[in-house]
Amino acid sequence: MKKVDINIYQLFLQHGSECLWINDSRVSRPNCTTEETDKMFDLIEAVDHRFEMICTGSYSEQMVTNYLKEIEELKSMFTSDVFEILNNKYNLNED
């Protein structure tokens, strides 16, 4: 799979993470999306969700460490500009 770039991120913002077209035949697949973009949307959602959980301050230090580790493992799947957008969305300055 190629890296999640700004174009894929813009599609994600436009169509959301639900990918309703996968399970609901009443929802047609948006133009410019494929099964590969569906997987990329899942990656974006996963990293975004982990950043959000970290920022709530409601999780233990161990959980935050685990989330940061998961984010670091997924970081290589994103172009640097998209990862920076996700990181800055929650005002985290992790490298």
PDB file of N, CA and C in Angstrom:
ATOM      1  N   MET A   1       0.854  -1.179   0.000  1.00  0.00           N
ATOM      2  CA  MET A   1       0.000   0.000   0.000  1.00  0.00           C
ATOM      3  C   MET A   1       0.896   1.236   0.000  1.00  0.00           C
ATOM      4  N   LYS A   2       0.501   2.213  -0.806  1.00  0.00           N
ATOM      5  CA  LYS A   2       1.259   3.458  -0.827  1.00  0.00           C
ATOM      6  C   LYS A   2       0.973   4.264   0.438  1.00  0.00           C
ATOM      7  N   LYS A   3       1.780   5.294   0.657  1.00  0.00           N
ATOM      8  CA  LYS A   3       1.607   6.132   1.845  1.00  0.00           C
ATOM      9  C   LYS A   3       0.360   7.003   1.718  1.00  0.00           C
ATOM     10  N   VAL A   4      -0.211   7.308   2.861  1.00  0.00           N
ATOM     11  CA  VAL A   4      -1.349   8.230   2.909  1.00  0.00           C
ATOM     12  C   VAL A   4      -0.797   9.628   2.646  1.00  0.00           C
ATOM     13  N   ASP A   5      -1.213  10.219   1.543  1.00  0.00           N
ATOM     14  CA  ASP A   5      -0.750  11.553   1.201  1.00  0.00           C
ATOM     15  C   ASP A   5      -1.880  12.570   1.381  1.00  0.00           C
ATOM     16  N   ILE A   6      -1.583  13.800   1.050  1.00  0.00           N
ATOM     17  CA  ILE A   6      -2.548  14.876   1.277  1.00  0.00           C
ATOM     18  C   ILE A   6      -3.823  14.677   0.459  1.00  0.00           C
ATOM     19  N   ASN A   7      -3.720  14.096  -0.717  1.00  0.00           N
ATOM     20  CA  ASN A   7      -4.913  13.857  -1.536  1.00  0.00           C
ATOM     21  C   ASN A   7      -5.837  12.833  -0.882  1.00  0.00           C
ATOM     22  N   ILE A   8      -5.258  11.773  -0.344  1.00  0.00           N
ATOM     23  CA  ILE A   8      -6.052  10.760   0.359  1.00  0.00           C
ATOM     24  C   ILE A   8      -6.660  11.373   1.616  1.00  0.00           C
ATOM     25  N   TYR A   9      -5.879  12.193   2.319  1.00  0.00           N
ATOM     26  CA  TYR A   9      -6.395  12.836   3.529  1.00  0.00           C
ATOM     27  C   TYR A   9      -7.578  13.749   3.195  1.00  0.00           C
ATOM     28  N   GLN A  10      -7.499  14.459   2.092  1.00  0.00           N
ATOM     29  CA  GLN A  10      -8.611  15.318   1.685  1.00  0.00           C
ATOM     30  C   GLN A  10      -9.850  14.493   1.353  1.00  0.00           C
ATOM     31  N   LEU A  11      -9.667  13.340   0.707  1.00  0.00           N
ATOM     32  CA  LEU A  11     -10.798  12.439   0.459  1.00  0.00           C
ATOM     33  C   LEU A  11     -11.404  11.972   1.774  1.00  0.00           C
ATOM     34  N   PHE A  12     -10.541  11.643   2.726  1.00  0.00           N
ATOM     35  CA  PHE A  12     -10.991  11.212   4.049  1.00  0.00           C
ATOM     36  C   PHE A  12     -11.845  12.300   4.698  1.00  0.00           C
ATOM     37  N   LEU A  13     -11.379  13.531   4.636  1.00  0.00           N
ATOM     38  CA  LEU A  13     -12.133  14.638   5.228  1.00  0.00           C
ATOM     39  C   LEU A  13     -13.465  14.844   4.516  1.00  0.00           C
ATOM     40  N   GLN A  14     -13.474  14.616   3.237  1.00  0.00           N
ATOM     41  CA  GLN A  14     -14.690  14.807   2.453  1.00  0.00           C
ATOM     42  C   GLN A  14     -15.718  13.708   2.714  1.00  0.00           C
ATOM     43  N   HIS A  15     -15.255  12.469   2.822  1.00  0.00           N
ATOM     44  CA  HIS A  15     -16.178  11.334   2.896  1.00  0.00           C
ATOM     45  C   HIS A  15     -16.278  10.691   4.272  1.00  0.00           C
ATOM     46  N   GLY A  16     -15.408  11.063   5.192  1.00  0.00           N
ATOM     47  CA  GLY A  16     -15.472  10.507   6.536  1.00  0.00           C
ATOM     48  C   GLY A  16     -14.863   9.134   6.647  1.00  0.00           C
ATOM     49  N   SER A  17     -14.778   8.667   7.860  1.00  0.00           N
ATOM     50  CA  SER A  17     -14.104   7.402   8.135  1.00  0.00           C
ATOM     51  C   SER A  17     -15.041   6.210   8.124  1.00  0.00           C
ATOM     52  N   GLU A  18     -16.333   6.452   8.029  1.00  0.00           N
ATOM     53  CA  GLU A  18     -17.292   5.357   8.167  1.00  0.00           C
ATOM     54  C   GLU A  18     -17.255   4.364   7.020  1.00  0.00           C
ATOM     55  N   CYS A  19     -16.910   4.826   5.827  1.00  0.00           N
ATOM     56  CA  CYS A  19     -16.917   3.967   4.633  1.00  0.00           C
ATOM     57  C   CYS A  19     -18.235   3.209   4.547  1.00  0.00           C
ATOM     58  N   LEU A  20     -19.321   3.938   4.642  1.00  0.00           N
ATOM     59  CA  LEU A  20     -20.653   3.323   4.652  1.00  0.00           C
ATOM     60  C   LEU A  20     -20.913   2.466   3.428  1.00  0.00           C
ATOM     61  N   TRP A  21     -20.283   2.785   2.316  1.00  0.00           N
ATOM     62  CA  TRP A  21     -20.492   2.053   1.074  1.00  0.00           C
ATOM     63  C   TRP A  21     -20.030   0.595   1.167  1.00  0.00           C
ATOM     64  N   ILE A  22     -19.229   0.253   2.162  1.00  0.00           N
ATOM     65  CA  ILE A  22     -18.750  -1.126   2.307  1.00  0.00           C
ATOM     66  C   ILE A  22     -19.874  -2.052   2.760  1.00  0.00           C
ATOM     67  N   ASN A  23     -20.648  -1.611   3.741  1.00  0.00           N
ATOM     68  CA  ASN A  23     -21.662  -2.479   4.341  1.00  0.00           C
ATOM     69  C   ASN A  23     -23.102  -2.127   4.002  1.00  0.00           C
ATOM     70  N   ASP A  24     -23.312  -1.000   3.362  1.00  0.00           N
ATOM     71  CA  ASP A  24     -24.674  -0.563   3.076  1.00  0.00           C
ATOM     72  C   ASP A  24     -24.835  -0.362   1.570  1.00  0.00           C
ATOM     73  N   SER A  25     -25.558  -1.252   0.944  1.00  0.00           N
ATOM     74  CA  SER A  25     -25.713  -1.196  -0.513  1.00  0.00           C
ATOM     75  C   SER A  25     -26.468   0.046  -0.984  1.00  0.00           C
ATOM     76  N   ARG A  26     -27.134   0.727  -0.064  1.00  0.00           N
ATOM     77  CA  ARG A  26     -27.846   1.955  -0.435  1.00  0.00           C
ATOM     78  C   ARG A  26     -26.891   3.121  -0.635  1.00  0.00           C
ATOM     79  N   VAL A  27     -25.667   2.983  -0.133  1.00  0.00           N
ATOM     80  CA  VAL A  27     -24.677   4.050  -0.237  1.00  0.00           C
ATOM     81  C   VAL A  27     -23.691   3.684  -1.343  1.00  0.00           C
ATOM     82  N   SER A  28     -23.627   4.519  -2.352  1.00  0.00           N
ATOM     83  CA  SER A  28     -22.709   4.227  -3.456  1.00  0.00           C
ATOM     84  C   SER A  28     -21.291   4.673  -3.100  1.00  0.00           C
ATOM     85  N   ARG A  29     -20.333   3.946  -3.642  1.00  0.00           N
ATOM     86  CA  ARG A  29     -18.929   4.285  -3.409  1.00  0.00           C
ATOM     87  C   ARG A  29     -18.640   5.644  -4.049  1.00  0.00           C
ATOM     88  N   PRO A  30     -18.034   6.555  -3.295  1.00  0.00           N
ATOM     89  CA  PRO A  30     -17.681   7.857  -3.871  1.00  0.00           C
ATOM     90  C   PRO A  30     -16.627   7.707  -4.969  1.00  0.00           C
ATOM     91  N   ASN A  31     -16.687   8.601  -5.932  1.00  0.00           N
ATOM     92  CA  ASN A  31     -15.658   8.623  -6.970  1.00  0.00           C
ATOM     93  C   ASN A  31     -14.301   8.805  -6.312  1.00  0.00           C
ATOM     94  N   CYS A  32     -13.297   8.300  -6.938  1.00  0.00           N
ATOM     95  CA  CYS A  32     -11.908   8.431  -6.476  1.00  0.00           C
ATOM     96  C   CYS A  32     -11.588   7.576  -5.253  1.00  0.00           C
ATOM     97  N   THR A  33     -12.477   6.685  -4.844  1.00  0.00           N
ATOM     98  CA  THR A  33     -12.155   5.794  -3.734  1.00  0.00           C
ATOM     99  C   THR A  33     -12.080   4.362  -4.245  1.00  0.00           C
ATOM    100  N   THR A  34     -11.243   3.592  -3.580  1.00  0.00           N
ATOM    101  CA  THR A  34     -11.042   2.183  -3.926  1.00  0.00           C
ATOM    102  C   THR A  34     -10.929   1.398  -2.624  1.00  0.00           C
ATOM    103  N   GLU A  35     -10.745   0.107  -2.742  1.00  0.00           N
ATOM    104  CA  GLU A  35     -10.513  -0.693  -1.538  1.00  0.00           C
ATOM    105  C   GLU A  35      -9.229  -0.252  -0.847  1.00  0.00           C
ATOM    106  N   GLU A  36      -8.239   0.180  -1.626  1.00  0.00           N
ATOM    107  CA  GLU A  36      -6.995   0.669  -1.030  1.00  0.00           C
ATOM    108  C   GLU A  36      -7.242   1.950  -0.232  1.00  0.00           C
ATOM    109  N   THR A  37      -8.033   2.874  -0.777  1.00  0.00           N
ATOM    110  CA  THR A  37      -8.316   4.095  -0.016  1.00  0.00           C
ATOM    111  C   THR A  37      -9.135   3.776   1.226  1.00  0.00           C
ATOM    112  N   ASP A  38      -9.993   2.760   1.165  1.00  0.00           N
ATOM    113  CA  ASP A  38     -10.738   2.347   2.362  1.00  0.00           C
ATOM    114  C   ASP A  38      -9.770   1.966   3.479  1.00  0.00           C
ATOM    115  N   LYS A  39      -8.726   1.217   3.127  1.00  0.00           N
ATOM    116  CA  LYS A  39      -7.720   0.814   4.120  1.00  0.00           C
ATOM    117  C   LYS A  39      -6.961   2.027   4.644  1.00  0.00           C
ATOM    118  N   MET A  40      -6.690   2.969   3.760  1.00  0.00           N
ATOM    119  CA  MET A  40      -6.006   4.193   4.175  1.00  0.00           C
ATOM    120  C   MET A  40      -6.888   5.013   5.110  1.00  0.00           C
ATOM    121  N   PHE A  41      -8.182   5.068   4.819  1.00  0.00           N
ATOM    122  CA  PHE A  41      -9.110   5.766   5.707  1.00  0.00           C
ATOM    123  C   PHE A  41      -9.078   5.131   7.095  1.00  0.00           C
ATOM    124  N   ASP A  42      -9.009   3.795   7.150  1.00  0.00           N
ATOM    125  CA  ASP A  42      -8.920   3.098   8.437  1.00  0.00           C
ATOM    126  C   ASP A  42      -7.651   3.493   9.187  1.00  0.00           C
ATOM    127  N   LEU A  43      -6.537   3.621   8.470  1.00  0.00           N
ATOM    128  CA  LEU A  43      -5.281   4.030   9.101  1.00  0.00           C
ATOM    129  C   LEU A  43      -5.378   5.450   9.655  1.00  0.00           C
ATOM    130  N   ILE A  44      -5.924   6.341   8.855  1.00  0.00           N
ATOM    131  CA  ILE A  44      -6.077   7.728   9.311  1.00  0.00           C
ATOM    132  C   ILE A  44      -6.934   7.760  10.570  1.00  0.00           C
ATOM    133  N   GLU A  45      -8.039   7.048  10.547  1.00  0.00           N
ATOM    134  CA  GLU A  45      -8.944   7.011  11.697  1.00  0.00           C
ATOM    135  C   GLU A  45      -8.241   6.439  12.919  1.00  0.00           C
ATOM    136  N   ALA A  46      -7.457   5.388  12.741  1.00  0.00           N
ATOM    137  CA  ALA A  46      -6.762   4.760  13.865  1.00  0.00           C
ATOM    138  C   ALA A  46      -5.786   5.729  14.524  1.00  0.00           C
ATOM    139  N   VAL A  47      -4.969   6.394  13.719  1.00  0.00           N
ATOM    140  CA  VAL A  47      -3.988   7.329  14.277  1.00  0.00           C
ATOM    141  C   VAL A  47      -4.688   8.532  14.896  1.00  0.00           C
ATOM    142  N   ASP A  48      -5.677   9.069  14.206  1.00  0.00           N
ATOM    143  CA  ASP A  48      -6.423  10.212  14.729  1.00  0.00           C
ATOM    144  C   ASP A  48      -7.078   9.869  16.068  1.00  0.00           C
ATOM    145  N   HIS A  49      -7.651   8.691  16.147  1.00  0.00           N
ATOM    146  CA  HIS A  49      -8.326   8.269  17.382  1.00  0.00           C
ATOM    147  C   HIS A  49      -7.325   8.133  18.532  1.00  0.00           C
ATOM    148  N   ARG A  50      -6.158   7.587  18.260  1.00  0.00           N
ATOM    149  CA  ARG A  50      -5.151   7.448  19.311  1.00  0.00           C
ATOM    150  C   ARG A  50      -4.661   8.810  19.792  1.00  0.00           C
ATOM    151  N   PHE A  51      -4.436   9.734  18.862  1.00  0.00           N
ATOM    152  CA  PHE A  51      -4.069  11.090  19.265  1.00  0.00           C
ATOM    153  C   PHE A  51      -5.159  11.698  20.142  1.00  0.00           C
ATOM    154  N   GLU A  52      -6.395  11.511  19.752  1.00  0.00           N
ATOM    155  CA  GLU A  52      -7.515  12.055  20.519  1.00  0.00           C
ATOM    156  C   GLU A  52      -7.559  11.459  21.923  1.00  0.00           C
ATOM    157  N   MET A  53      -7.366  10.144  22.038  1.00  0.00           N
ATOM    158  CA  MET A  53      -7.394   9.499  23.356  1.00  0.00           C
ATOM    159  C   MET A  53      -6.272  10.013  24.242  1.00  0.00           C
ATOM    160  N   ILE A  54      -5.099  10.237  23.659  1.00  0.00           N
ATOM    161  CA  ILE A  54      -3.978  10.767  24.433  1.00  0.00           C
ATOM    162  C   ILE A  54      -4.328  12.151  24.969  1.00  0.00           C
ATOM    163  N   CYS A  55      -4.932  12.977  24.139  1.00  0.00           N
ATOM    164  CA  CYS A  55      -5.223  14.367  24.507  1.00  0.00           C
ATOM    165  C   CYS A  55      -6.322  14.520  25.547  1.00  0.00           C
ATOM    166  N   THR A  56      -7.145  13.492  25.734  1.00  0.00           N
ATOM    167  CA  THR A  56      -8.207  13.620  26.732  1.00  0.00           C
ATOM    168  C   THR A  56      -7.653  13.688  28.137  1.00  0.00           C
ATOM    169  N   GLY A  57      -6.471  13.106  28.348  1.00  0.00           N
ATOM    170  CA  GLY A  57      -5.894  13.074  29.682  1.00  0.00           C
ATOM    171  C   GLY A  57      -6.573  12.071  30.592  1.00  0.00           C
ATOM    172  N   SER A  58      -7.444  11.250  30.051  1.00  0.00           N
ATOM    173  CA  SER A  58      -8.221  10.294  30.849  1.00  0.00           C
ATOM    174  C   SER A  58      -7.577   8.921  30.949  1.00  0.00           C
ATOM    175  N   TYR A  59      -6.483   8.714  30.246  1.00  0.00           N
ATOM    176  CA  TYR A  59      -5.880   7.390  30.203  1.00  0.00           C
ATOM    177  C   TYR A  59      -4.599   7.351  31.021  1.00  0.00           C
ATOM    178  N   SER A  60      -4.280   6.174  31.521  1.00  0.00           N
ATOM    179  CA  SER A  60      -3.087   6.002  32.345  1.00  0.00           C
ATOM    180  C   SER A  60      -1.831   6.250  31.512  1.00  0.00           C
ATOM    181  N   GLU A  61      -0.747   6.478  32.211  1.00  0.00           N
ATOM    182  CA  GLU A  61       0.533   6.699  31.548  1.00  0.00           C
ATOM    183  C   GLU A  61       0.916   5.492  30.685  1.00  0.00           C
ATOM    184  N   GLN A  62       0.609   4.304  31.174  1.00  0.00           N
ATOM    185  CA  GLN A  62       0.915   3.090  30.419  1.00  0.00           C
ATOM    186  C   GLN A  62       0.110   3.045  29.115  1.00  0.00           C
ATOM    187  N   MET A  63      -1.173   3.397  29.185  1.00  0.00           N
ATOM    188  CA  MET A  63      -2.003   3.412  27.979  1.00  0.00           C
ATOM    189  C   MET A  63      -1.501   4.462  26.987  1.00  0.00           C
ATOM    190  N   VAL A  64      -1.147   5.629  27.491  1.00  0.00           N
ATOM    191  CA  VAL A  64      -0.625   6.687  26.622  1.00  0.00           C
ATOM    192  C   VAL A  64       0.654   6.215  25.940  1.00  0.00           C
ATOM    193  N   THR A  65       1.519   5.555  26.698  1.00  0.00           N
ATOM    194  CA  THR A  65       2.752   5.012  26.127  1.00  0.00           C
ATOM    195  C   THR A  65       2.442   4.005  25.025  1.00  0.00           C
ATOM    196  N   ASN A  66       1.458   3.149  25.266  1.00  0.00           N
ATOM    197  CA  ASN A  66       1.051   2.169  24.249  1.00  0.00           C
ATOM    198  C   ASN A  66       0.507   2.859  23.002  1.00  0.00           C
ATOM    199  N   TYR A  67      -0.327   3.887  23.196  1.00  0.00           N
ATOM    200  CA  TYR A  67      -0.886   4.617  22.058  1.00  0.00           C
ATOM    201  C   TYR A  67       0.219   5.306  21.256  1.00  0.00           C
ATOM    202  N   LEU A  68       1.180   5.904  21.962  1.00  0.00           N
ATOM    203  CA  LEU A  68       2.291   6.562  21.274  1.00  0.00           C
ATOM    204  C   LEU A  68       3.121   5.548  20.483  1.00  0.00           C
ATOM    205  N   LYS A  69       3.305   4.371  21.052  1.00  0.00           N
ATOM    206  CA  LYS A  69       4.041   3.314  20.351  1.00  0.00           C
ATOM    207  C   LYS A  69       3.288   2.892  19.082  1.00  0.00           C
ATOM    208  N   GLU A  70       1.971   2.728  19.198  1.00  0.00           N
ATOM    209  CA  GLU A  70       1.160   2.365  18.031  1.00  0.00           C
ATOM    210  C   GLU A  70       1.232   3.448  16.961  1.00  0.00           C
ATOM    211  N   ILE A  71       1.175   4.697  17.382  1.00  0.00           N
ATOM    212  CA  ILE A  71       1.272   5.816  16.440  1.00  0.00           C
ATOM    213  C   ILE A  71       2.624   5.780  15.739  1.00  0.00           C
ATOM    214  N   GLU A  72       3.675   5.561  16.503  1.00  0.00           N
ATOM    215  CA  GLU A  72       5.021   5.512  15.927  1.00  0.00           C
ATOM    216  C   GLU A  72       5.143   4.383  14.902  1.00  0.00           C
ATOM    217  N   GLU A  73       4.520   3.245  15.191  1.00  0.00           N
ATOM    218  CA  GLU A  73       4.558   2.112  14.262  1.00  0.00           C
ATOM    219  C   GLU A  73       3.809   2.422  12.963  1.00  0.00           C
ATOM    220  N   LEU A  74       2.759   3.217  13.048  1.00  0.00           N
ATOM    221  CA  LEU A  74       1.956   3.550  11.866  1.00  0.00           C
ATOM    222  C   LEU A  74       2.470   4.780  11.115  1.00  0.00           C
ATOM    223  N   LYS A  75       3.345   5.532  11.744  1.00  0.00           N
ATOM    224  CA  LYS A  75       3.833   6.792  11.178  1.00  0.00           C
ATOM    225  C   LYS A  75       4.411   6.620   9.774  1.00  0.00           C
ATOM    226  N   SER A  76       5.081   5.520   9.524  1.00  0.00           N
ATOM    227  CA  SER A  76       5.716   5.305   8.218  1.00  0.00           C
ATOM    228  C   SER A  76       4.702   5.122   7.090  1.00  0.00           C
ATOM    229  N   MET A  77       3.443   4.937   7.440  1.00  0.00           N
ATOM    230  CA  MET A  77       2.392   4.754   6.434  1.00  0.00           C
ATOM    231  C   MET A  77       1.858   6.094   5.913  1.00  0.00           C
ATOM    232  N   PHE A  78       2.372   7.201   6.460  1.00  0.00           N
ATOM    233  CA  PHE A  78       1.900   8.540   6.116  1.00  0.00           C
ATOM    234  C   PHE A  78       3.038   9.371   5.542  1.00  0.00           C
ATOM    235  N   THR A  79       2.706  10.277   4.639  1.00  0.00           N
ATOM    236  CA  THR A  79       3.694  11.269   4.240  1.00  0.00           C
ATOM    237  C   THR A  79       3.891  12.203   5.428  1.00  0.00           C
ATOM    238  N   SER A  80       5.024  12.868   5.464  1.00  0.00           N
ATOM    239  CA  SER A  80       5.338  13.713   6.619  1.00  0.00           C
ATOM    240  C   SER A  80       4.329  14.842   6.802  1.00  0.00           C
ATOM    241  N   ASP A  81       3.834  15.414   5.705  1.00  0.00           N
ATOM    242  CA  ASP A  81       2.886  16.521   5.846  1.00  0.00           C
ATOM    243  C   ASP A  81       1.555  16.069   6.439  1.00  0.00           C
ATOM    244  N   VAL A  82       1.080  14.895   6.062  1.00  0.00           N
ATOM    245  CA  VAL A  82      -0.182  14.397   6.618  1.00  0.00           C
ATOM    246  C   VAL A  82       0.002  14.026   8.085  1.00  0.00           C
ATOM    247  N   PHE A  83       1.120  13.397   8.411  1.00  0.00           N
ATOM    248  CA  PHE A  83       1.354  13.049   9.807  1.00  0.00           C
ATOM    249  C   PHE A  83       1.447  14.316  10.656  1.00  0.00           C
ATOM    250  N   GLU A  84       2.086  15.335  10.135  1.00  0.00           N
ATOM    251  CA  GLU A  84       2.197  16.603  10.854  1.00  0.00           C
ATOM    252  C   GLU A  84       0.817  17.229  11.084  1.00  0.00           C
ATOM    253  N   ILE A  85      -0.057  17.140  10.100  1.00  0.00           N
ATOM    254  CA  ILE A  85      -1.423  17.664  10.253  1.00  0.00           C
ATOM    255  C   ILE A  85      -2.132  16.948  11.396  1.00  0.00           C
ATOM    256  N   LEU A  86      -2.053  15.615  11.411  1.00  0.00           N
ATOM    257  CA  LEU A  86      -2.704  14.843  12.478  1.00  0.00           C
ATOM    258  C   LEU A  86      -2.102  15.178  13.835  1.00  0.00           C
ATOM    259  N   ASN A  87      -0.785  15.266  13.886  1.00  0.00           N
ATOM    260  CA  ASN A  87      -0.089  15.570  15.129  1.00  0.00           C
ATOM    261  C   ASN A  87      -0.472  16.959  15.638  1.00  0.00           C
ATOM    262  N   ASN A  88      -0.472  17.929  14.744  1.00  0.00           N
ATOM    263  CA  ASN A  88      -0.775  19.306  15.137  1.00  0.00           C
ATOM    264  C   ASN A  88      -2.247  19.518  15.462  1.00  0.00           C
ATOM    265  N   LYS A  89      -3.105  18.669  14.935  1.00  0.00           N
ATOM    266  CA  LYS A  89      -4.537  18.773  15.220  1.00  0.00           C
ATOM    267  C   LYS A  89      -4.802  18.716  16.723  1.00  0.00           C
ATOM    268  N   TYR A  90      -3.988  17.931  17.411  1.00  0.00           N
ATOM    269  CA  TYR A  90      -4.155  17.777  18.860  1.00  0.00           C
ATOM    270  C   TYR A  90      -3.041  18.457  19.636  1.00  0.00           C
ATOM    271  N   ASN A  91      -2.255  19.293  18.950  1.00  0.00           N
ATOM    272  CA  ASN A  91      -1.177  20.047  19.572  1.00  0.00           C
ATOM    273  C   ASN A  91      -0.168  19.161  20.284  1.00  0.00           C
ATOM    274  N   LEU A  92       0.116  18.000  19.704  1.00  0.00           N
ATOM    275  CA  LEU A  92       1.166  17.134  20.227  1.00  0.00           C
ATOM    276  C   LEU A  92       2.429  17.409  19.435  1.00  0.00           C
ATOM    277  N   ASN A  93       3.532  17.396  20.103  1.00  0.00           N
ATOM    278  CA  ASN A  93       4.789  17.686  19.426  1.00  0.00           C
ATOM    279  C   ASN A  93       5.740  16.513  19.504  1.00  0.00           C
ATOM    280  N   GLU A  94       5.214  15.309  19.377  1.00  0.00           N
ATOM    281  CA  GLU A  94       6.042  14.109  19.376  1.00  0.00           C
ATOM    282  C   GLU A  94       6.752  14.024  18.035  1.00  0.00           C
ATOM    283  N   ASP A  95       8.004  13.637  18.030  1.00  0.00           N
ATOM    284  CA  ASP A  95       8.759  13.482  16.775  1.00  0.00           C
ATOM    285  C   ASP A  95       8.595  12.104  16.219  1.00  0.00           C
TER     286      ASP A  95
END
